[in-house]
Amino acid sequence: MFLRSMDNKKIYLTKEGLQELKKEYEQLTTTKRPDVLARVTQARSMGDLSENAEYVAAREELSFIDGRIDELEEILKQAVIIDGNGKGTKTIKLGSKVILATKGKKEAFMVVGEWEADPKEKKISHESPLGKALIGKKVGEKAEVEAPAGKLAYTIVSVS
């Protein structure tokens, strides 16, 4: 099972990421689950469960919500807050905001734990190929990443 593989693994989150997960957990446990549970109860009272599509749909949704609640509980138990205050250090670590230059363009990224990674928001996991290549590097150094299109080289412009 998925949760078993998470045993004793640290899950790195920013303060904001932790708050988002806590908010989702709160919403699931206090609002969504009770609503779906009420739908299951109401659908159950409609008679023959084998032909009751509303009952089947509500049970599936309840099962999904319960699974997500279990997953969030495990994540929250093992969460380690990333100290985003990298002041005084110019070495890339979890929580660092970096500006990289490649092929004449500059791009900004934030290095986060795998649960917060979101490429659309320029949040990259420390476990991703680019994240692994960046960790421990300093301004002026280069990081190379193997990509489907070939090797990409990045120059670290700034770290904060």
N, C-alpha and C. Protein backbone atom coordinates (compact mmCIF):
# COMPACT_ATOMS: atom_id res chain seq x y z
N MET A 1 0.84 -1.19 0.00
CA MET A 1 0.00 0.00 0.00
C MET A 1 0.88 1.25 0.00
N PHE A 2 0.40 2.32 -0.59
CA PHE A 2 1.14 3.56 -0.75
C PHE A 2 1.66 4.09 0.58
N LEU A 3 0.82 4.13 1.60
CA LEU A 3 1.20 4.75 2.86
C LEU A 3 2.34 4.00 3.55
N ARG A 4 2.40 2.70 3.35
CA ARG A 4 3.47 1.91 3.97
C ARG A 4 4.84 2.38 3.48
N SER A 5 4.92 2.76 2.20
CA SER A 5 6.20 3.17 1.65
C SER A 5 6.66 4.52 2.20
N MET A 6 5.74 5.25 2.84
CA MET A 6 6.09 6.56 3.37
C MET A 6 6.63 6.47 4.80
N ASP A 7 6.53 5.28 5.43
CA ASP A 7 6.97 5.15 6.82
C ASP A 7 8.36 5.74 7.02
N ASN A 8 8.48 6.61 8.00
CA ASN A 8 9.74 7.21 8.43
C ASN A 8 10.42 8.09 7.37
N LYS A 9 9.78 8.38 6.30
CA LYS A 9 10.37 9.25 5.29
C LYS A 9 9.99 10.68 5.63
N LYS A 10 10.98 11.55 5.64
CA LYS A 10 10.70 12.95 5.90
C LYS A 10 10.04 13.55 4.68
N ILE A 11 9.02 14.35 4.91
CA ILE A 11 8.32 15.03 3.83
C ILE A 11 8.56 16.51 4.03
N TYR A 12 9.31 17.10 3.10
CA TYR A 12 9.70 18.50 3.22
C TYR A 12 8.63 19.41 2.63
N LEU A 13 8.22 20.39 3.44
CA LEU A 13 7.19 21.34 3.03
C LEU A 13 7.58 22.75 3.47
N THR A 14 7.17 23.73 2.69
CA THR A 14 7.31 25.11 3.14
C THR A 14 6.17 25.36 4.12
N LYS A 15 6.25 26.46 4.86
CA LYS A 15 5.16 26.80 5.79
C LYS A 15 3.84 26.93 5.03
N GLU A 16 3.92 27.56 3.84
CA GLU A 16 2.71 27.75 3.02
C GLU A 16 2.15 26.40 2.56
N GLY A 17 3.03 25.51 2.14
CA GLY A 17 2.60 24.19 1.69
C GLY A 17 1.94 23.41 2.80
N LEU A 18 2.51 23.49 4.01
CA LEU A 18 1.93 22.81 5.16
C LEU A 18 0.55 23.38 5.46
N GLN A 19 0.41 24.70 5.40
CA GLN A 19 -0.89 25.33 5.66
C GLN A 19 -1.93 24.88 4.64
N GLU A 20 -1.52 24.77 3.37
CA GLU A 20 -2.44 24.31 2.31
C GLU A 20 -2.93 22.89 2.60
N LEU A 21 -2.01 22.00 2.99
CA LEU A 21 -2.40 20.62 3.28
C LEU A 21 -3.31 20.55 4.52
N LYS A 22 -3.00 21.36 5.53
CA LYS A 22 -3.86 21.39 6.72
C LYS A 22 -5.26 21.90 6.37
N LYS A 23 -5.30 22.90 5.49
CA LYS A 23 -6.58 23.47 5.05
C LYS A 23 -7.40 22.41 4.29
N GLU A 24 -6.72 21.68 3.40
CA GLU A 24 -7.40 20.61 2.65
C GLU A 24 -7.92 19.54 3.60
N TYR A 25 -7.09 19.14 4.58
CA TYR A 25 -7.48 18.13 5.56
C TYR A 25 -8.71 18.59 6.34
N GLU A 26 -8.66 19.83 6.79
CA GLU A 26 -9.78 20.40 7.56
C GLU A 26 -11.06 20.39 6.72
N GLN A 27 -10.96 20.80 5.47
CA GLN A 27 -12.13 20.86 4.59
C GLN A 27 -12.70 19.46 4.35
N LEU A 28 -11.81 18.50 4.12
CA LEU A 28 -12.27 17.13 3.89
C LEU A 28 -12.96 16.55 5.11
N THR A 29 -12.38 16.75 6.29
CA THR A 29 -12.92 16.12 7.49
C THR A 29 -14.15 16.84 8.06
N THR A 30 -14.23 18.15 7.88
CA THR A 30 -15.34 18.87 8.49
C THR A 30 -16.50 19.17 7.54
N THR A 31 -16.23 19.19 6.23
CA THR A 31 -17.28 19.56 5.29
C THR A 31 -17.59 18.46 4.28
N LYS A 32 -16.58 18.09 3.48
CA LYS A 32 -16.84 17.16 2.38
C LYS A 32 -17.26 15.76 2.85
N ARG A 33 -16.50 15.20 3.80
CA ARG A 33 -16.83 13.84 4.24
C ARG A 33 -18.23 13.78 4.86
N PRO A 34 -18.59 14.69 5.78
CA PRO A 34 -19.95 14.64 6.31
C PRO A 34 -21.03 14.79 5.23
N ASP A 35 -20.79 15.64 4.22
CA ASP A 35 -21.76 15.81 3.14
C ASP A 35 -21.95 14.51 2.35
N VAL A 36 -20.84 13.87 2.00
CA VAL A 36 -20.91 12.63 1.23
C VAL A 36 -21.51 11.51 2.08
N LEU A 37 -21.18 11.49 3.35
CA LEU A 37 -21.76 10.49 4.25
C LEU A 37 -23.29 10.63 4.30
N ALA A 38 -23.77 11.87 4.31
CA ALA A 38 -25.21 12.12 4.29
C ALA A 38 -25.83 11.64 2.98
N ARG A 39 -25.09 11.82 1.86
CA ARG A 39 -25.58 11.33 0.56
C ARG A 39 -25.67 9.81 0.55
N VAL A 40 -24.67 9.13 1.15
CA VAL A 40 -24.68 7.67 1.22
C VAL A 40 -25.88 7.21 2.02
N THR A 41 -26.11 7.84 3.15
CA THR A 41 -27.24 7.47 4.01
C THR A 41 -28.56 7.68 3.30
N GLN A 42 -28.69 8.82 2.62
CA GLN A 42 -29.94 9.11 1.89
C GLN A 42 -30.14 8.12 0.75
N ALA A 43 -29.10 7.83 0.00
CA ALA A 43 -29.20 6.90 -1.12
C ALA A 43 -29.51 5.49 -0.63
N ARG A 44 -28.96 5.12 0.52
CA ARG A 44 -29.21 3.79 1.08
C ARG A 44 -30.69 3.62 1.40
N SER A 45 -31.33 4.69 1.83
CA SER A 45 -32.74 4.63 2.22
C SER A 45 -33.67 4.52 1.01
N MET A 46 -33.13 4.65 -0.20
CA MET A 46 -33.96 4.60 -1.41
C MET A 46 -34.26 3.19 -1.88
N GLY A 47 -33.78 2.19 -1.19
CA GLY A 47 -34.16 0.83 -1.56
C GLY A 47 -33.02 0.01 -2.10
N ASP A 48 -33.29 -0.74 -3.18
CA ASP A 48 -32.37 -1.72 -3.76
C ASP A 48 -31.01 -1.10 -4.08
N LEU A 49 -29.99 -1.48 -3.31
CA LEU A 49 -28.65 -0.91 -3.47
C LEU A 49 -27.95 -1.38 -4.73
N SER A 50 -28.31 -2.56 -5.25
CA SER A 50 -27.63 -3.08 -6.44
C SER A 50 -27.95 -2.28 -7.69
N GLU A 51 -29.07 -1.58 -7.71
CA GLU A 51 -29.44 -0.78 -8.87
C GLU A 51 -29.48 0.71 -8.55
N ASN A 52 -28.83 1.10 -7.47
CA ASN A 52 -28.89 2.48 -7.02
C ASN A 52 -27.58 3.20 -7.40
N ALA A 53 -27.61 3.90 -8.53
CA ALA A 53 -26.41 4.56 -9.03
C ALA A 53 -25.93 5.66 -8.07
N GLU A 54 -26.83 6.36 -7.44
CA GLU A 54 -26.46 7.43 -6.49
C GLU A 54 -25.71 6.84 -5.31
N TYR A 55 -26.16 5.68 -4.82
CA TYR A 55 -25.49 5.03 -3.70
C TYR A 55 -24.07 4.62 -4.10
N VAL A 56 -23.93 4.00 -5.27
CA VAL A 56 -22.62 3.55 -5.75
C VAL A 56 -21.68 4.76 -5.91
N ALA A 57 -22.17 5.83 -6.52
CA ALA A 57 -21.34 7.03 -6.74
C ALA A 57 -20.93 7.65 -5.41
N ALA A 58 -21.86 7.74 -4.47
CA ALA A 58 -21.56 8.33 -3.16
C ALA A 58 -20.55 7.47 -2.40
N ARG A 59 -20.68 6.14 -2.47
CA ARG A 59 -19.74 5.25 -1.79
C ARG A 59 -18.33 5.40 -2.39
N GLU A 60 -18.25 5.51 -3.72
CA GLU A 60 -16.95 5.69 -4.37
C GLU A 60 -16.32 7.01 -3.95
N GLU A 61 -17.11 8.07 -3.90
CA GLU A 61 -16.58 9.37 -3.49
C GLU A 61 -16.13 9.33 -2.04
N LEU A 62 -16.90 8.66 -1.19
CA LEU A 62 -16.53 8.53 0.22
C LEU A 62 -15.21 7.76 0.36
N SER A 63 -15.07 6.73 -0.43
CA SER A 63 -13.84 5.93 -0.39
C SER A 63 -12.64 6.79 -0.82
N PHE A 64 -12.81 7.60 -1.86
CA PHE A 64 -11.75 8.48 -2.32
C PHE A 64 -11.38 9.49 -1.23
N ILE A 65 -12.38 10.10 -0.62
CA ILE A 65 -12.14 11.10 0.44
C ILE A 65 -11.43 10.46 1.62
N ASP A 66 -11.87 9.28 2.02
CA ASP A 66 -11.22 8.59 3.15
C ASP A 66 -9.76 8.27 2.84
N GLY A 67 -9.49 7.87 1.59
CA GLY A 67 -8.11 7.60 1.18
C GLY A 67 -7.25 8.85 1.24
N ARG A 68 -7.81 9.96 0.78
CA ARG A 68 -7.05 11.22 0.80
C ARG A 68 -6.83 11.69 2.24
N ILE A 69 -7.82 11.51 3.11
CA ILE A 69 -7.67 11.88 4.52
C ILE A 69 -6.54 11.06 5.14
N ASP A 70 -6.51 9.76 4.89
CA ASP A 70 -5.43 8.90 5.41
C ASP A 70 -4.07 9.36 4.90
N GLU A 71 -4.01 9.68 3.60
CA GLU A 71 -2.76 10.14 3.00
C GLU A 71 -2.29 11.44 3.64
N LEU A 72 -3.22 12.39 3.82
CA LEU A 72 -2.87 13.67 4.43
C LEU A 72 -2.41 13.50 5.88
N GLU A 73 -3.05 12.60 6.62
CA GLU A 73 -2.64 12.36 8.01
C GLU A 73 -1.19 11.87 8.05
N GLU A 74 -0.81 10.97 7.14
CA GLU A 74 0.57 10.48 7.09
C GLU A 74 1.53 11.60 6.71
N ILE A 75 1.16 12.39 5.73
CA ILE A 75 2.02 13.49 5.30
C ILE A 75 2.24 14.47 6.45
N LEU A 76 1.16 14.83 7.12
CA LEU A 76 1.25 15.81 8.21
C LEU A 76 2.07 15.28 9.38
N LYS A 77 2.01 13.97 9.63
CA LYS A 77 2.81 13.37 10.71
C LYS A 77 4.31 13.45 10.41
N GLN A 78 4.66 13.33 9.14
CA GLN A 78 6.06 13.24 8.75
C GLN A 78 6.60 14.53 8.16
N ALA A 79 5.81 15.58 8.22
CA ALA A 79 6.22 16.85 7.61
C ALA A 79 7.37 17.50 8.37
N VAL A 80 8.30 18.03 7.60
CA VAL A 80 9.42 18.79 8.12
C VAL A 80 9.37 20.14 7.41
N ILE A 81 9.33 21.21 8.18
CA ILE A 81 9.24 22.54 7.58
C ILE A 81 10.59 22.95 7.00
N ILE A 82 10.54 23.42 5.76
CA ILE A 82 11.74 23.94 5.10
C ILE A 82 11.95 25.35 5.60
N ASP A 83 13.14 25.63 6.06
CA ASP A 83 13.48 26.99 6.49
C ASP A 83 13.82 27.78 5.25
N GLY A 84 12.88 28.62 4.82
CA GLY A 84 13.08 29.41 3.60
C GLY A 84 14.00 30.59 3.79
N ASN A 85 14.44 30.84 5.03
CA ASN A 85 15.35 31.96 5.27
C ASN A 85 16.78 31.53 5.00
N GLY A 86 17.18 31.65 3.75
CA GLY A 86 18.54 31.28 3.38
C GLY A 86 19.46 32.47 3.48
N LYS A 87 19.10 33.47 4.25
CA LYS A 87 19.92 34.68 4.38
C LYS A 87 21.29 34.29 4.91
N GLY A 88 22.31 34.85 4.31
CA GLY A 88 23.67 34.58 4.77
C GLY A 88 24.31 33.42 4.04
N THR A 89 23.50 32.64 3.33
CA THR A 89 24.07 31.54 2.56
C THR A 89 23.68 31.72 1.10
N LYS A 90 24.59 31.45 0.24
CA LYS A 90 24.30 31.55 -1.19
C LYS A 90 24.38 30.16 -1.84
N THR A 91 24.19 29.13 -1.03
CA THR A 91 24.18 27.77 -1.52
C THR A 91 22.73 27.33 -1.69
N ILE A 92 22.43 26.70 -2.80
CA ILE A 92 21.06 26.26 -3.06
C ILE A 92 20.71 25.08 -2.16
N LYS A 93 19.56 25.20 -1.51
CA LYS A 93 19.04 24.14 -0.65
C LYS A 93 17.52 24.16 -0.76
N LEU A 94 16.87 23.28 -0.05
CA LEU A 94 15.41 23.28 -0.02
C LEU A 94 14.93 24.64 0.46
N GLY A 95 13.96 25.21 -0.23
CA GLY A 95 13.43 26.51 0.13
C GLY A 95 14.10 27.67 -0.59
N SER A 96 15.19 27.39 -1.31
CA SER A 96 15.90 28.46 -2.03
C SER A 96 15.10 28.91 -3.25
N LYS A 97 15.17 30.21 -3.48
CA LYS A 97 14.65 30.77 -4.73
C LYS A 97 15.87 31.04 -5.59
N VAL A 98 15.84 30.53 -6.81
CA VAL A 98 17.00 30.67 -7.68
C VAL A 98 16.61 31.28 -9.02
N ILE A 99 17.53 32.01 -9.59
CA ILE A 99 17.36 32.50 -10.96
C ILE A 99 18.45 31.82 -11.78
N LEU A 100 18.00 31.15 -12.83
CA LEU A 100 18.91 30.40 -13.69
C LEU A 100 18.92 31.01 -15.09
N ALA A 101 20.06 30.96 -15.73
CA ALA A 101 20.17 31.42 -17.11
C ALA A 101 20.49 30.22 -17.99
N THR A 102 19.79 30.14 -19.11
CA THR A 102 20.07 29.11 -20.10
C THR A 102 19.66 29.63 -21.47
N LYS A 103 20.53 29.45 -22.42
CA LYS A 103 20.28 29.88 -23.80
C LYS A 103 19.81 31.33 -23.88
N GLY A 104 20.42 32.20 -23.11
CA GLY A 104 20.10 33.63 -23.16
C GLY A 104 18.84 34.04 -22.42
N LYS A 105 18.14 33.09 -21.80
CA LYS A 105 16.92 33.42 -21.04
C LYS A 105 17.19 33.21 -19.55
N LYS A 106 16.45 33.97 -18.75
CA LYS A 106 16.53 33.78 -17.30
C LYS A 106 15.17 33.28 -16.81
N GLU A 107 15.23 32.33 -15.87
CA GLU A 107 14.01 31.79 -15.28
C GLU A 107 14.20 31.68 -13.78
N ALA A 108 13.13 31.96 -13.04
CA ALA A 108 13.17 31.86 -11.58
C ALA A 108 12.45 30.58 -11.15
N PHE A 109 13.03 29.91 -10.16
CA PHE A 109 12.45 28.68 -9.60
C PHE A 109 12.57 28.72 -8.09
N MET A 110 11.75 27.91 -7.45
CA MET A 110 11.88 27.69 -6.02
C MET A 110 12.06 26.19 -5.83
N VAL A 111 13.04 25.79 -5.03
CA VAL A 111 13.31 24.38 -4.77
C VAL A 111 12.49 23.98 -3.54
N VAL A 112 11.59 23.02 -3.74
CA VAL A 112 10.67 22.60 -2.68
C VAL A 112 10.70 21.08 -2.53
N GLY A 113 9.99 20.58 -1.53
CA GLY A 113 9.84 19.14 -1.35
C GLY A 113 8.92 18.58 -2.43
N GLU A 114 8.97 17.27 -2.61
CA GLU A 114 8.23 16.65 -3.71
C GLU A 114 6.72 16.85 -3.63
N TRP A 115 6.15 17.01 -2.44
CA TRP A 115 4.70 17.17 -2.31
C TRP A 115 4.21 18.53 -2.76
N GLU A 116 5.12 19.51 -2.81
CA GLU A 116 4.73 20.86 -3.22
C GLU A 116 5.11 21.18 -4.66
N ALA A 117 5.86 20.32 -5.28
CA ALA A 117 6.34 20.60 -6.63
C ALA A 117 5.18 20.91 -7.57
N ASP A 118 5.34 21.97 -8.34
CA ASP A 118 4.33 22.39 -9.31
C ASP A 118 5.03 23.16 -10.42
N PRO A 119 5.36 22.47 -11.51
CA PRO A 119 6.12 23.11 -12.58
C PRO A 119 5.45 24.37 -13.13
N LYS A 120 4.12 24.40 -13.16
CA LYS A 120 3.42 25.58 -13.67
C LYS A 120 3.72 26.81 -12.82
N GLU A 121 3.95 26.59 -11.53
CA GLU A 121 4.25 27.71 -10.63
C GLU A 121 5.75 27.86 -10.38
N LYS A 122 6.54 27.16 -11.19
CA LYS A 122 8.01 27.21 -11.10
C LYS A 122 8.52 26.71 -9.74
N LYS A 123 7.80 25.75 -9.16
CA LYS A 123 8.25 25.10 -7.92
C LYS A 123 8.75 23.72 -8.32
N ILE A 124 10.06 23.50 -8.14
CA ILE A 124 10.64 22.23 -8.55
C ILE A 124 11.06 21.42 -7.33
N SER A 125 10.86 20.12 -7.43
CA SER A 125 11.22 19.21 -6.34
C SER A 125 12.73 19.04 -6.25
N HIS A 126 13.20 18.92 -5.02
CA HIS A 126 14.62 18.64 -4.81
C HIS A 126 14.97 17.24 -5.31
N GLU A 127 13.94 16.41 -5.59
CA GLU A 127 14.14 15.06 -6.09
C GLU A 127 14.14 15.00 -7.62
N SER A 128 13.73 16.09 -8.28
CA SER A 128 13.68 16.12 -9.74
C SER A 128 15.11 16.20 -10.29
N PRO A 129 15.30 15.88 -11.56
CA PRO A 129 16.65 15.99 -12.13
C PRO A 129 17.25 17.39 -11.97
N LEU A 130 16.47 18.43 -12.24
CA LEU A 130 16.97 19.79 -12.10
C LEU A 130 17.22 20.10 -10.62
N GLY A 131 16.31 19.72 -9.75
CA GLY A 131 16.49 19.96 -8.32
C GLY A 131 17.75 19.31 -7.79
N LYS A 132 17.97 18.05 -8.17
CA LYS A 132 19.18 17.34 -7.73
C LYS A 132 20.45 18.02 -8.24
N ALA A 133 20.38 18.52 -9.48
CA ALA A 133 21.55 19.18 -10.07
C ALA A 133 21.85 20.52 -9.39
N LEU A 134 20.82 21.16 -8.83
CA LEU A 134 21.00 22.48 -8.23
C LEU A 134 21.44 22.44 -6.76
N ILE A 135 20.96 21.46 -6.00
CA ILE A 135 21.25 21.41 -4.57
C ILE A 135 22.76 21.46 -4.33
N GLY A 136 23.17 22.40 -3.46
CA GLY A 136 24.57 22.53 -3.10
C GLY A 136 25.38 23.47 -3.99
N LYS A 137 24.79 23.91 -5.08
CA LYS A 137 25.50 24.81 -6.00
C LYS A 137 25.39 26.25 -5.52
N LYS A 138 26.30 27.10 -6.05
CA LYS A 138 26.35 28.52 -5.68
C LYS A 138 26.25 29.39 -6.92
N VAL A 139 26.07 30.69 -6.69
CA VAL A 139 26.00 31.66 -7.78
C VAL A 139 27.24 31.54 -8.65
N GLY A 140 27.01 31.53 -9.97
CA GLY A 140 28.11 31.44 -10.92
C GLY A 140 28.42 30.03 -11.38
N GLU A 141 27.99 29.04 -10.58
CA GLU A 141 28.24 27.65 -10.97
C GLU A 141 27.24 27.21 -12.03
N LYS A 142 27.59 26.12 -12.69
CA LYS A 142 26.71 25.56 -13.72
C LYS A 142 26.11 24.25 -13.23
N ALA A 143 24.89 23.99 -13.70
CA ALA A 143 24.22 22.73 -13.41
C ALA A 143 23.78 22.14 -14.73
N GLU A 144 24.09 20.87 -14.95
CA GLU A 144 23.69 20.21 -16.19
C GLU A 144 22.64 19.16 -15.89
N VAL A 145 21.63 19.11 -16.77
CA VAL A 145 20.52 18.18 -16.58
C VAL A 145 20.28 17.44 -17.89
N GLU A 146 20.14 16.14 -17.78
CA GLU A 146 19.85 15.31 -18.95
C GLU A 146 18.34 15.40 -19.21
N ALA A 147 17.96 15.83 -20.41
CA ALA A 147 16.56 15.98 -20.78
C ALA A 147 16.30 15.18 -22.06
N PRO A 148 15.04 14.92 -22.38
CA PRO A 148 14.75 14.17 -23.61
C PRO A 148 15.36 14.84 -24.86
N ALA A 149 15.45 16.17 -24.85
CA ALA A 149 16.00 16.89 -26.00
C ALA A 149 17.53 16.96 -25.96
N GLY A 150 18.13 16.39 -24.95
CA GLY A 150 19.58 16.44 -24.80
C GLY A 150 19.97 17.07 -23.48
N LYS A 151 21.25 17.35 -23.31
CA LYS A 151 21.76 17.92 -22.07
C LYS A 151 21.47 19.43 -22.03
N LEU A 152 20.89 19.88 -20.92
CA LEU A 152 20.63 21.31 -20.73
C LEU A 152 21.60 21.84 -19.68
N ALA A 153 22.19 22.98 -19.96
CA ALA A 153 23.13 23.59 -19.02
C ALA A 153 22.52 24.88 -18.49
N TYR A 154 22.53 25.02 -17.18
CA TYR A 154 22.02 26.22 -16.50
C TYR A 154 23.16 26.89 -15.75
N THR A 155 23.16 28.20 -15.74
CA THR A 155 24.10 28.97 -14.93
C THR A 155 23.29 29.60 -13.81
N ILE A 156 23.78 29.48 -12.59
CA ILE A 156 23.07 30.03 -11.44
C ILE A 156 23.39 31.52 -11.34
N VAL A 157 22.35 32.35 -11.48
CA VAL A 157 22.50 33.79 -11.50
C VAL A 157 22.36 34.36 -10.07
N SER A 158 21.36 33.87 -9.34
CA SER A 158 21.19 34.33 -7.95
C SER A 158 20.50 33.27 -7.12
N VAL A 159 20.73 33.35 -5.81
CA VAL A 159 20.14 32.44 -4.83
C VAL A 159 19.64 33.27 -3.67
N SER A 160 18.40 33.06 -3.27
CA SER A 160 17.89 33.77 -2.09
C SER A 160 17.01 32.84 -1.28
